[in-house]
PDB file of all heavy atoms in Angstrom:
ATOM      1  N   GLY A   1       0.871  -1.177  -0.011  1.00  0.00           N
ATOM      2  CA  GLY A   1      -0.001  -0.004   0.042  1.00  0.00           C
ATOM      3  C   GLY A   1       0.940   1.310  -0.036  1.00  0.00           C
ATOM      4  O   GLY A   1       2.037   1.242   0.199  1.00  0.00           O
ATOM      5  N   GLY A   2       0.132   2.427  -0.116  1.00  0.00           N
ATOM      6  CA  GLY A   2       0.877   3.728  -0.005  1.00  0.00           C
ATOM      7  C   GLY A   2       0.154   4.794  -0.611  1.00  0.00           C
ATOM      8  O   GLY A   2      -1.110   4.665  -0.785  1.00  0.00           O
ATOM      9  N   LEU A   3       0.731   5.920  -0.800  1.00  0.00           N
ATOM     10  CA  LEU A   3       0.232   7.168  -1.295  1.00  0.00           C
ATOM     11  C   LEU A   3       0.452   7.317  -2.761  1.00  0.00           C
ATOM     12  O   LEU A   3       1.816   7.244  -3.272  1.00  0.00           O
ATOM     13  CB  LEU A   3       0.572   8.307  -0.502  1.00  0.00           C
ATOM     14  CG  LEU A   3       0.226   9.746  -1.038  1.00  0.00           C
ATOM     15  CD1 LEU A   3      -1.250   9.830  -1.065  1.00  0.00           C
ATOM     16  CD2 LEU A   3       0.868  10.815  -0.278  1.00  0.00           C
ATOM     17  N   VAL A   4      -0.515   7.489  -3.617  1.00  0.00           N
ATOM     18  CA  VAL A   4      -0.194   7.708  -5.107  1.00  0.00           C
ATOM     19  C   VAL A   4      -1.185   8.743  -5.692  1.00  0.00           C
ATOM     20  O   VAL A   4      -2.304   8.942  -5.090  1.00  0.00           O
ATOM     21  CB  VAL A   4      -0.416   6.362  -5.870  1.00  0.00           C
ATOM     22  CG1 VAL A   4      -1.788   5.868  -5.696  1.00  0.00           C
ATOM     23  CG2 VAL A   4       0.122   6.345  -7.272  1.00  0.00           C
ATOM     24  N   GLN A   5      -0.747   9.431  -6.690  1.00  0.00           N
ATOM     25  CA  GLN A   5      -1.560  10.349  -7.260  1.00  0.00           C
ATOM     26  C   GLN A   5      -2.593   9.687  -8.247  1.00  0.00           C
ATOM     27  O   GLN A   5      -2.380   8.590  -8.647  1.00  0.00           O
ATOM     28  CB  GLN A   5      -0.702  11.389  -8.151  1.00  0.00           C
ATOM     29  CG  GLN A   5      -0.001  12.305  -7.314  1.00  0.00           C
ATOM     30  CD  GLN A   5       0.765  13.370  -8.130  1.00  0.00           C
ATOM     31  OE1 GLN A   5       1.004  13.077  -9.349  1.00  0.00           O
ATOM     32  NE2 GLN A   5       0.943  14.537  -7.599  1.00  0.00           N
ATOM     33  N   ALA A   6      -3.727  10.327  -8.451  1.00  0.00           N
ATOM     34  CA  ALA A   6      -4.680   9.866  -9.374  1.00  0.00           C
ATOM     35  C   ALA A   6      -4.094   9.622 -10.686  1.00  0.00           C
ATOM     36  O   ALA A   6      -3.277  10.295 -11.186  1.00  0.00           O
ATOM     37  CB  ALA A   6      -5.794  10.807  -9.504  1.00  0.00           C
ATOM     38  N   GLY A   7      -4.602   8.367 -11.252  1.00  0.00           N
ATOM     39  CA  GLY A   7      -4.019   7.928 -12.507  1.00  0.00           C
ATOM     40  C   GLY A   7      -2.756   6.983 -12.353  1.00  0.00           C
ATOM     41  O   GLY A   7      -2.280   6.342 -13.258  1.00  0.00           O
ATOM     42  N   GLY A   8      -2.159   6.918 -11.093  1.00  0.00           N
ATOM     43  CA  GLY A   8      -1.061   6.087 -10.851  1.00  0.00           C
ATOM     44  C   GLY A   8      -1.347   4.722 -10.558  1.00  0.00           C
ATOM     45  O   GLY A   8      -2.618   4.219 -10.691  1.00  0.00           O
ATOM     46  N   SER A   9      -0.376   3.869 -10.259  1.00  0.00           N
ATOM     47  CA  SER A   9      -0.420   2.427 -10.091  1.00  0.00           C
ATOM     48  C   SER A   9       0.119   1.999  -8.702  1.00  0.00           C
ATOM     49  O   SER A   9       1.042   2.640  -8.241  1.00  0.00           O
ATOM     50  CB  SER A   9       0.086   1.654 -11.163  1.00  0.00           C
ATOM     51  OG  SER A   9      -0.391   1.981 -12.492  1.00  0.00           O
ATOM     52  N   LEU A  10      -0.361   0.891  -8.243  1.00  0.00           N
ATOM     53  CA  LEU A  10       0.196   0.238  -7.162  1.00  0.00           C
ATOM     54  C   LEU A  10      -0.030  -1.242  -7.171  1.00  0.00           C
ATOM     55  O   LEU A  10      -1.021  -1.583  -7.816  1.00  0.00           O
ATOM     56  CB  LEU A  10      -0.469   0.731  -5.674  1.00  0.00           C
ATOM     57  CG  LEU A  10      -0.145   2.065  -5.184  1.00  0.00           C
ATOM     58  CD1 LEU A  10      -1.030   2.334  -3.910  1.00  0.00           C
ATOM     59  CD2 LEU A  10       1.313   2.153  -4.749  1.00  0.00           C
ATOM     60  N   ARG A  11       0.849  -2.093  -6.574  1.00  0.00           N
ATOM     61  CA  ARG A  11       0.637  -3.451  -6.507  1.00  0.00           C
ATOM     62  C   ARG A  11       0.635  -3.936  -5.102  1.00  0.00           C
ATOM     63  O   ARG A  11       1.619  -3.767  -4.366  1.00  0.00           O
ATOM     64  CB  ARG A  11       1.692  -4.255  -7.456  1.00  0.00           C
ATOM     65  CG  ARG A  11       1.255  -5.676  -7.450  1.00  0.00           C
ATOM     66  CD  ARG A  11       2.304  -6.536  -8.371  1.00  0.00           C
ATOM     67  NE  ARG A  11       3.439  -6.980  -7.689  1.00  0.00           N
ATOM     68  CZ  ARG A  11       3.967  -8.046  -8.074  1.00  0.00           C
ATOM     69  NH1 ARG A  11       3.571  -8.879  -9.114  1.00  0.00           N
ATOM     70  NH2 ARG A  11       5.127  -8.427  -7.356  1.00  0.00           N
ATOM     71  N   LEU A  12      -0.479  -4.566  -4.753  1.00  0.00           N
ATOM     72  CA  LEU A  12      -0.501  -5.215  -3.423  1.00  0.00           C
ATOM     73  C   LEU A  12      -0.106  -6.651  -3.486  1.00  0.00           C
ATOM     74  O   LEU A  12      -0.403  -7.335  -4.486  1.00  0.00           O
ATOM     75  CB  LEU A  12      -1.919  -5.045  -2.862  1.00  0.00           C
ATOM     76  CG  LEU A  12      -2.503  -3.534  -2.811  1.00  0.00           C
ATOM     77  CD1 LEU A  12      -3.867  -3.601  -2.197  1.00  0.00           C
ATOM     78  CD2 LEU A  12      -1.722  -2.683  -2.078  1.00  0.00           C
ATOM     79  N   SER A  13       0.449  -7.222  -2.409  1.00  0.00           N
ATOM     80  CA  SER A  13       0.796  -8.584  -2.253  1.00  0.00           C
ATOM     81  C   SER A  13       0.151  -9.101  -0.909  1.00  0.00           C
ATOM     82  O   SER A  13       0.153  -8.294   0.100  1.00  0.00           O
ATOM     83  CB  SER A  13       2.286  -8.774  -2.249  1.00  0.00           C
ATOM     84  OG  SER A  13       2.928  -8.330  -3.518  1.00  0.00           O
ATOM     85  N   CYS A  14      -0.163 -10.326  -0.978  1.00  0.00           N
ATOM     86  CA  CYS A  14      -0.644 -11.020   0.208  1.00  0.00           C
ATOM     87  C   CYS A  14      -0.079 -12.458   0.245  1.00  0.00           C
ATOM     88  O   CYS A  14      -0.462 -13.232  -0.638  1.00  0.00           O
ATOM     89  CB  CYS A  14      -2.206 -10.970   0.240  1.00  0.00           C
ATOM     90  SG  CYS A  14      -2.857 -12.050   1.609  1.00  0.00           S
ATOM     91  N   THR A  15       0.615 -12.809   1.337  1.00  0.00           N
ATOM     92  CA  THR A  15       1.181 -14.040   1.420  1.00  0.00           C
ATOM     93  C   THR A  15       0.520 -14.926   2.485  1.00  0.00           C
ATOM     94  O   THR A  15       0.378 -14.399   3.654  1.00  0.00           O
ATOM     95  CB  THR A  15       2.729 -14.077   1.650  1.00  0.00           C
ATOM     96  OG1 THR A  15       3.350 -13.499   0.466  1.00  0.00           O
ATOM     97  CG2 THR A  15       3.258 -15.447   1.765  1.00  0.00           C
ATOM     98  N   ALA A  16       0.031 -16.086   2.226  1.00  0.00           N
ATOM     99  CA  ALA A  16      -0.623 -16.916   3.260  1.00  0.00           C
ATOM    100  C   ALA A  16       0.379 -17.890   3.878  1.00  0.00           C
ATOM    101  O   ALA A  16       1.321 -18.438   3.191  1.00  0.00           O
ATOM    102  CB  ALA A  16      -1.732 -17.742   2.610  1.00  0.00           C
ATOM    103  N   SER A  17       0.246 -18.111   5.101  1.00  0.00           N
ATOM    104  CA  SER A  17       1.069 -19.147   5.787  1.00  0.00           C
ATOM    105  C   SER A  17       0.265 -19.987   6.756  1.00  0.00           C
ATOM    106  O   SER A  17      -0.848 -19.501   7.105  1.00  0.00           O
ATOM    107  CB  SER A  17       2.384 -18.495   6.365  1.00  0.00           C
ATOM    108  OG  SER A  17       1.933 -17.604   7.353  1.00  0.00           O
ATOM    109  N   GLY A  18       0.822 -20.998   7.368  1.00  0.00           N
ATOM    110  CA  GLY A  18       0.139 -21.812   8.349  1.00  0.00           C
ATOM    111  C   GLY A  18      -0.573 -22.981   7.709  1.00  0.00           C
ATOM    112  O   GLY A  18       0.023 -23.588   6.829  1.00  0.00           O
ATOM    113  N   SER A  19      -1.721 -23.356   8.097  1.00  0.00           N
ATOM    114  CA  SER A  19      -2.426 -24.455   7.684  1.00  0.00           C
ATOM    115  C   SER A  19      -3.208 -24.132   6.382  1.00  0.00           C
ATOM    116  O   SER A  19      -4.299 -23.981   6.382  1.00  0.00           O
ATOM    117  CB  SER A  19      -3.382 -24.973   8.733  1.00  0.00           C
ATOM    118  OG  SER A  19      -2.675 -25.388   9.880  1.00  0.00           O
ATOM    119  N   ILE A  20      -2.435 -24.049   5.328  1.00  0.00           N
ATOM    120  CA  ILE A  20      -3.009 -23.528   4.032  1.00  0.00           C
ATOM    121  C   ILE A  20      -3.387 -24.545   3.002  1.00  0.00           C
ATOM    122  O   ILE A  20      -3.975 -24.216   1.952  1.00  0.00           O
ATOM    123  CB  ILE A  20      -1.941 -22.519   3.531  1.00  0.00           C
ATOM    124  CG1 ILE A  20      -0.642 -23.304   3.137  1.00  0.00           C
ATOM    125  CG2 ILE A  20      -1.756 -21.283   4.220  1.00  0.00           C
ATOM    126  CD1 ILE A  20       0.360 -22.432   2.316  1.00  0.00           C
ATOM    127  N   PHE A  21      -3.182 -25.793   3.347  1.00  0.00           N
ATOM    128  CA  PHE A  21      -3.546 -26.862   2.411  1.00  0.00           C
ATOM    129  C   PHE A  21      -5.112 -26.820   2.277  1.00  0.00           C
ATOM    130  O   PHE A  21      -5.730 -26.844   3.263  1.00  0.00           O
ATOM    131  CB  PHE A  21      -3.192 -28.194   2.916  1.00  0.00           C
ATOM    132  CG  PHE A  21      -3.461 -29.288   1.936  1.00  0.00           C
ATOM    133  CD1 PHE A  21      -2.660 -29.557   0.765  1.00  0.00           C
ATOM    134  CD2 PHE A  21      -4.533 -30.082   2.174  1.00  0.00           C
ATOM    135  CE1 PHE A  21      -3.027 -30.533   0.045  1.00  0.00           C
ATOM    136  CE2 PHE A  21      -4.912 -31.156   1.297  1.00  0.00           C
ATOM    137  CZ  PHE A  21      -4.161 -31.354   0.225  1.00  0.00           C
ATOM    138  N   GLY A  22      -5.567 -26.822   0.965  1.00  0.00           N
ATOM    139  CA  GLY A  22      -6.863 -26.784   0.662  1.00  0.00           C
ATOM    140  C   GLY A  22      -7.512 -25.404   0.409  1.00  0.00           C
ATOM    141  O   GLY A  22      -8.710 -25.340   0.016  1.00  0.00           O
ATOM    142  N   ILE A  23      -6.766 -24.331   0.600  1.00  0.00           N
ATOM    143  CA  ILE A  23      -7.176 -23.086   0.238  1.00  0.00           C
ATOM    144  C   ILE A  23      -7.500 -22.905  -1.179  1.00  0.00           C
ATOM    145  O   ILE A  23      -6.823 -23.318  -1.996  1.00  0.00           O
ATOM    146  CB  ILE A  23      -6.161 -21.971   0.621  1.00  0.00           C
ATOM    147  CG1 ILE A  23      -6.145 -21.762   2.132  1.00  0.00           C
ATOM    148  CG2 ILE A  23      -6.537 -20.700  -0.021  1.00  0.00           C
ATOM    149  CD1 ILE A  23      -5.219 -20.686   2.654  1.00  0.00           C
ATOM    150  N   ASN A  24      -8.737 -22.515  -1.607  1.00  0.00           N
ATOM    151  CA  ASN A  24      -9.105 -22.359  -2.967  1.00  0.00           C
ATOM    152  C   ASN A  24      -9.186 -20.882  -3.303  1.00  0.00           C
ATOM    153  O   ASN A  24      -8.346 -20.302  -4.115  1.00  0.00           O
ATOM    154  CB  ASN A  24     -10.563 -23.056  -3.253  1.00  0.00           C
ATOM    155  CG  ASN A  24     -10.891 -22.846  -4.761  1.00  0.00           C
ATOM    156  OD1 ASN A  24     -10.121 -22.666  -5.501  1.00  0.00           O
ATOM    157  ND2 ASN A  24     -12.200 -23.134  -4.958  1.00  0.00           N
ATOM    158  N   VAL A  25     -10.185 -20.223  -2.863  1.00  0.00           N
ATOM    159  CA  VAL A  25     -10.373 -18.765  -3.215  1.00  0.00           C
ATOM    160  C   VAL A  25      -9.616 -17.849  -2.307  1.00  0.00           C
ATOM    161  O   VAL A  25      -9.605 -18.047  -1.072  1.00  0.00           O
ATOM    162  CB  VAL A  25     -11.869 -18.437  -3.079  1.00  0.00           C
ATOM    163  CG1 VAL A  25     -12.073 -16.981  -3.550  1.00  0.00           C
ATOM    164  CG2 VAL A  25     -12.692 -19.265  -4.010  1.00  0.00           C
ATOM    165  N   MET A  26      -8.928 -16.875  -2.961  1.00  0.00           N
ATOM    166  CA  MET A  26      -8.216 -15.884  -2.197  1.00  0.00           C
ATOM    167  C   MET A  26      -8.816 -14.570  -2.810  1.00  0.00           C
ATOM    168  O   MET A  26      -9.224 -14.497  -4.041  1.00  0.00           O
ATOM    169  CB  MET A  26      -6.745 -15.853  -2.363  1.00  0.00           C
ATOM    170  CG  MET A  26      -6.248 -17.080  -1.653  1.00  0.00           C
ATOM    171  SD  MET A  26      -4.359 -17.048  -1.642  1.00  0.00           S
ATOM    172  CE  MET A  26      -4.151 -15.901  -0.306  1.00  0.00           C
ATOM    173  N   GLY A  27      -8.925 -13.526  -2.020  1.00  0.00           N
ATOM    174  CA  GLY A  27      -9.385 -12.259  -2.555  1.00  0.00           C
ATOM    175  C   GLY A  27      -9.013 -10.980  -1.784  1.00  0.00           C
ATOM    176  O   GLY A  27      -8.296 -10.944  -0.785  1.00  0.00           O
ATOM    177  N   TRP A  28      -9.378  -9.935  -2.334  1.00  0.00           N
ATOM    178  CA  TRP A  28      -9.119  -8.726  -1.843  1.00  0.00           C
ATOM    179  C   TRP A  28     -10.451  -7.927  -1.561  1.00  0.00           C
ATOM    180  O   TRP A  28     -11.365  -7.933  -2.397  1.00  0.00           O
ATOM    181  CB  TRP A  28      -8.286  -7.784  -2.743  1.00  0.00           C
ATOM    182  CG  TRP A  28      -6.882  -8.255  -2.824  1.00  0.00           C
ATOM    183  CD1 TRP A  28      -6.398  -9.082  -3.826  1.00  0.00           C
ATOM    184  CD2 TRP A  28      -5.803  -7.922  -2.058  1.00  0.00           C
ATOM    185  NE1 TRP A  28      -4.998  -9.212  -3.759  1.00  0.00           N
ATOM    186  CE2 TRP A  28      -4.621  -8.563  -2.536  1.00  0.00           C
ATOM    187  CE3 TRP A  28      -5.624  -7.086  -0.905  1.00  0.00           C
ATOM    188  CZ2 TRP A  28      -3.353  -8.493  -1.989  1.00  0.00           C
ATOM    189  CZ3 TRP A  28      -4.398  -6.997  -0.337  1.00  0.00           C
ATOM    190  CH2 TRP A  28      -3.302  -7.691  -0.721  1.00  0.00           C
ATOM    191  N   TYR A  29     -10.642  -7.306  -0.439  1.00  0.00           N
ATOM    192  CA  TYR A  29     -11.620  -6.438  -0.034  1.00  0.00           C
ATOM    193  C   TYR A  29     -11.148  -5.097   0.506  1.00  0.00           C
ATOM    194  O   TYR A  29      -9.913  -4.891   0.585  1.00  0.00           O
ATOM    195  CB  TYR A  29     -12.433  -7.086   1.041  1.00  0.00           C
ATOM    196  CG  TYR A  29     -13.246  -8.289   0.783  1.00  0.00           C
ATOM    197  CD1 TYR A  29     -12.651  -9.438   0.509  1.00  0.00           C
ATOM    198  CD2 TYR A  29     -14.650  -8.269   0.676  1.00  0.00           C
ATOM    199  CE1 TYR A  29     -13.383 -10.627   0.236  1.00  0.00           C
ATOM    200  CE2 TYR A  29     -15.336  -9.402   0.368  1.00  0.00           C
ATOM    201  CZ  TYR A  29     -14.692 -10.497   0.183  1.00  0.00           C
ATOM    202  OH  TYR A  29     -15.447 -11.637  -0.118  1.00  0.00           O
ATOM    203  N   ARG A  30     -12.001  -4.062   0.508  1.00  0.00           N
ATOM    204  CA  ARG A  30     -11.540  -2.810   0.872  1.00  0.00           C
ATOM    205  C   ARG A  30     -12.649  -2.109   1.771  1.00  0.00           C
ATOM    206  O   ARG A  30     -13.821  -2.458   1.527  1.00  0.00           O
ATOM    207  CB  ARG A  30     -11.091  -1.839  -0.282  1.00  0.00           C
ATOM    208  CG  ARG A  30     -12.282  -1.512  -1.258  1.00  0.00           C
ATOM    209  CD  ARG A  30     -11.833  -0.726  -2.459  1.00  0.00           C
ATOM    210  NE  ARG A  30     -12.874  -0.307  -3.258  1.00  0.00           N
ATOM    211  CZ  ARG A  30     -12.703   0.266  -4.462  1.00  0.00           C
ATOM    212  NH1 ARG A  30     -11.592   0.534  -4.896  1.00  0.00           N
ATOM    213  NH2 ARG A  30     -13.663   0.617  -5.167  1.00  0.00           N
ATOM    214  N   GLN A  31     -12.227  -1.229   2.555  1.00  0.00           N
ATOM    215  CA  GLN A  31     -13.172  -0.410   3.492  1.00  0.00           C
ATOM    216  C   GLN A  31     -12.683   0.965   3.493  1.00  0.00           C
ATOM    217  O   GLN A  31     -11.600   1.270   3.990  1.00  0.00           O
ATOM    218  CB  GLN A  31     -13.113  -1.005   4.842  1.00  0.00           C
ATOM    219  CG  GLN A  31     -14.237  -0.517   5.743  1.00  0.00           C
ATOM    220  CD  GLN A  31     -14.417  -1.364   6.931  1.00  0.00           C
ATOM    221  OE1 GLN A  31     -13.705  -2.063   7.370  1.00  0.00           O
ATOM    222  NE2 GLN A  31     -15.606  -1.040   7.532  1.00  0.00           N
ATOM    223  N   ALA A  32     -13.373   1.892   2.982  1.00  0.00           N
ATOM    224  CA  ALA A  32     -13.225   3.303   3.053  1.00  0.00           C
ATOM    225  C   ALA A  32     -13.783   3.798   4.357  1.00  0.00           C
ATOM    226  O   ALA A  32     -14.797   3.216   4.930  1.00  0.00           O
ATOM    227  CB  ALA A  32     -13.810   3.972   1.820  1.00  0.00           C
ATOM    228  N   PRO A  33     -13.332   4.984   4.850  1.00  0.00           N
ATOM    229  CA  PRO A  33     -13.897   5.536   6.051  1.00  0.00           C
ATOM    230  C   PRO A  33     -15.368   5.780   5.958  1.00  0.00           C
ATOM    231  O   PRO A  33     -15.888   6.270   4.987  1.00  0.00           O
ATOM    232  CB  PRO A  33     -13.114   6.896   6.114  1.00  0.00           C
ATOM    233  CG  PRO A  33     -11.870   6.656   5.431  1.00  0.00           C
ATOM    234  CD  PRO A  33     -12.199   5.851   4.252  1.00  0.00           C
ATOM    235  N   GLY A  34     -16.129   5.341   6.930  1.00  0.00           N
ATOM    236  CA  GLY A  34     -17.488   5.397   6.985  1.00  0.00           C
ATOM    237  C   GLY A  34     -18.357   4.529   6.085  1.00  0.00           C
ATOM    238  O   GLY A  34     -19.515   4.694   6.071  1.00  0.00           O
TER     239      GLY A  34
END
């Protein structure tokens, strides 16, 4: 994550660990203030 100007780009990464055998769907959600 970070700060970027409109029109710019960012790449998010998420790494899973632990008891991960069998994971099928992974996804991204977001929550804006309010």
